[in-house]
Protein backbone atom coordinates (compact mmCIF):
# COMPACT_ATOMS: atom_id res chain seq x y z
CA MET A 1 -0.60 14.37 -19.79
CA LYS A 2 0.73 10.79 -18.63
CA VAL A 3 -1.17 8.19 -16.76
CA TYR A 4 0.74 5.78 -14.34
CA THR A 5 -1.27 2.73 -13.28
CA GLY A 6 -0.27 -0.37 -11.08
CA THR A 7 -2.15 -3.24 -9.62
CA ASP A 8 -1.47 -5.98 -7.35
CA ILE A 9 -3.19 -9.03 -5.82
CA VAL A 10 -2.07 -10.55 -2.54
CA GLU A 11 -3.03 -13.90 -0.73
CA VAL A 12 -4.22 -12.94 2.64
CA SER A 13 -2.79 -16.37 4.06
CA ARG A 14 0.73 -15.22 2.90
CA ILE A 15 0.49 -11.88 4.95
CA LYS A 16 -1.06 -13.61 7.97
CA ASN A 17 1.69 -16.30 7.97
CA ALA A 18 4.21 -13.54 7.86
CA ILE A 19 2.64 -11.65 10.67
CA MET A 20 2.23 -14.89 12.84
CA THR A 21 5.86 -15.82 12.13
CA SER A 22 7.72 -12.70 12.95
CA LYS A 23 5.00 -10.25 14.20
CA GLU A 24 6.77 -7.06 15.12
CA LEU A 25 9.72 -7.54 12.83
CA PHE A 26 7.41 -7.91 9.78
CA LEU A 27 4.92 -5.18 10.71
CA ASP A 28 7.50 -2.62 11.51
CA LYS A 29 9.31 -3.24 8.14
CA VAL A 30 6.21 -3.03 6.03
CA TYR A 31 3.63 -0.87 7.84
CA THR A 32 3.65 2.50 9.41
CA LYS A 33 2.43 2.83 12.94
CA GLN A 34 -0.90 4.45 11.73
CA GLU A 35 -1.39 1.52 9.32
CA GLN A 36 -0.88 -0.94 12.15
CA GLU A 37 -3.25 0.73 14.35
CA TYR A 38 -5.94 0.81 11.76
CA CYS A 39 -5.63 -2.82 10.61
CA SER A 40 -5.22 -4.12 14.16
CA SER A 41 -8.56 -2.27 15.04
CA LYS A 42 -10.25 -4.36 12.34
CA LYS A 43 -10.38 -7.47 14.40
CA ALA A 44 -12.39 -9.93 12.43
CA HIS A 45 -10.76 -8.50 9.05
CA MET A 46 -7.34 -7.62 10.38
CA TYR A 47 -5.26 -9.78 7.93
CA GLU A 48 -7.36 -8.71 4.89
CA SER A 49 -6.65 -5.16 5.85
CA TYR A 50 -2.86 -5.80 6.20
CA ALA A 51 -3.13 -7.57 2.80
CA ALA A 52 -4.83 -4.86 1.16
CA ARG A 53 -2.33 -2.29 2.32
CA PHE A 54 0.44 -4.53 1.17
CA ALA A 55 -1.16 -4.68 -2.31
CA VAL A 56 -1.19 -0.93 -2.44
CA LYS A 57 2.35 -0.59 -1.69
CA GLU A 58 3.33 -3.01 -4.57
CA ALA A 59 0.77 -1.42 -6.94
CA VAL A 60 2.35 1.97 -6.21
CA SER A 61 5.77 0.75 -6.93
CA LYS A 62 4.67 -0.85 -10.30
CA ALA A 63 2.94 2.62 -11.30
CA LEU A 64 6.13 4.41 -10.42
CA GLY A 65 8.10 1.87 -12.32
CA THR A 66 10.66 0.81 -9.66
CA GLY A 67 9.37 -2.17 -7.73
CA ILE A 68 10.32 -2.58 -4.07
CA GLY A 69 13.86 -2.35 -3.33
CA SER A 70 16.73 0.14 -3.52
CA GLU A 71 14.62 2.83 -4.98
CA LEU A 72 11.59 2.39 -2.91
CA SER A 73 10.77 1.11 0.61
CA LEU A 74 7.49 -0.31 1.64
CA LEU A 75 7.36 2.27 4.44
CA ASP A 76 7.47 5.12 1.86
CA VAL A 77 3.90 4.09 0.83
CA GLU A 78 1.33 4.76 3.25
CA VAL A 79 -2.67 4.20 3.19
CA VAL A 80 -4.69 6.15 5.51
CA ASN A 81 -8.34 6.28 5.56
CA GLY A 82 -10.21 9.60 5.08
CA GLU A 83 -13.31 10.83 7.27
CA ARG A 84 -15.73 8.62 5.17
CA GLY A 85 -13.39 5.64 5.21
CA LYS A 86 -11.95 5.92 1.75
CA PRO A 87 -8.28 4.72 1.52
CA ASN A 88 -6.03 7.68 0.51
CA LEU A 89 -2.50 7.42 -0.60
CA VAL A 90 0.36 9.07 1.33
CA LEU A 91 3.87 9.02 0.05
CA HIS A 92 7.03 9.49 2.04
CA GLY A 93 10.91 9.66 1.21
CA LYS A 94 11.92 8.32 -2.09
CA ALA A 95 8.41 7.61 -3.18
CA LEU A 96 7.38 11.20 -2.71
CA GLU A 97 10.65 12.35 -4.54
CA LEU A 98 9.98 10.12 -7.49
CA TYR A 99 6.27 11.02 -7.65
CA ASN A 100 7.37 14.78 -7.76
CA SER A 101 10.13 14.12 -10.23
CA LEU A 102 7.57 12.42 -12.70
CA ASN A 103 5.36 15.74 -12.33
CA ILE A 104 2.51 13.57 -11.02
CA PHE A 105 -0.15 15.98 -9.75
CA THR A 106 -2.92 13.59 -8.51
CA SER A 107 -3.43 9.99 -7.61
CA ASP A 108 -6.12 7.64 -6.52
CA ILE A 109 -6.31 4.11 -5.15
CA SER A 110 -8.81 1.52 -4.88
CA ILE A 111 -8.65 -1.63 -2.89
CA SER A 112 -10.81 -4.71 -2.00
CA HIS A 113 -10.56 -7.97 -0.39
CA THR A 114 -12.12 -11.39 0.19
CA SER A 115 -11.15 -13.70 2.96
CA GLU A 116 -8.64 -15.26 0.56
CA ASN A 117 -7.25 -12.25 -1.51
CA ALA A 118 -6.70 -8.68 -1.43
CA ILE A 119 -6.35 -6.32 -4.47
CA ALA A 120 -5.27 -2.81 -5.07
CA PHE A 121 -5.22 -0.59 -8.06
CA VAL A 122 -3.56 2.88 -8.35
CA VAL A 123 -3.91 5.48 -10.98
CA MET A 124 -1.54 8.58 -11.07
CA ILE A 125 -1.79 11.41 -13.53
CA GLY A 126 1.26 13.71 -14.40
CA ASN A 127 2.41 16.31 -16.83
């Protein structure tokens, strides 16, 4: 059995500035429509929610050993919330291909944020 882990911390102000500067361009480049709908619905904590999801995307890229770039797109990693609000990882495209090629059979994420920082941790287990 092999365990893959990744973590990332993001300054909320960095994500807020990126959104304020080039709203649709940045949002559409980084977040799926479902992520945008969820984060935008969090009125008072919208930027923290965006930052937390950005941290997940970076943490996943670290766990998979690729970083973000030619092998992995930010849109290949999606965070959706389950019925009870728990964030769940959904992979698409190259991220899913890499996940499968590494024989990973389960993963879990944890995210948290303050008004200043967001952090994410991912654990993936494979054969």
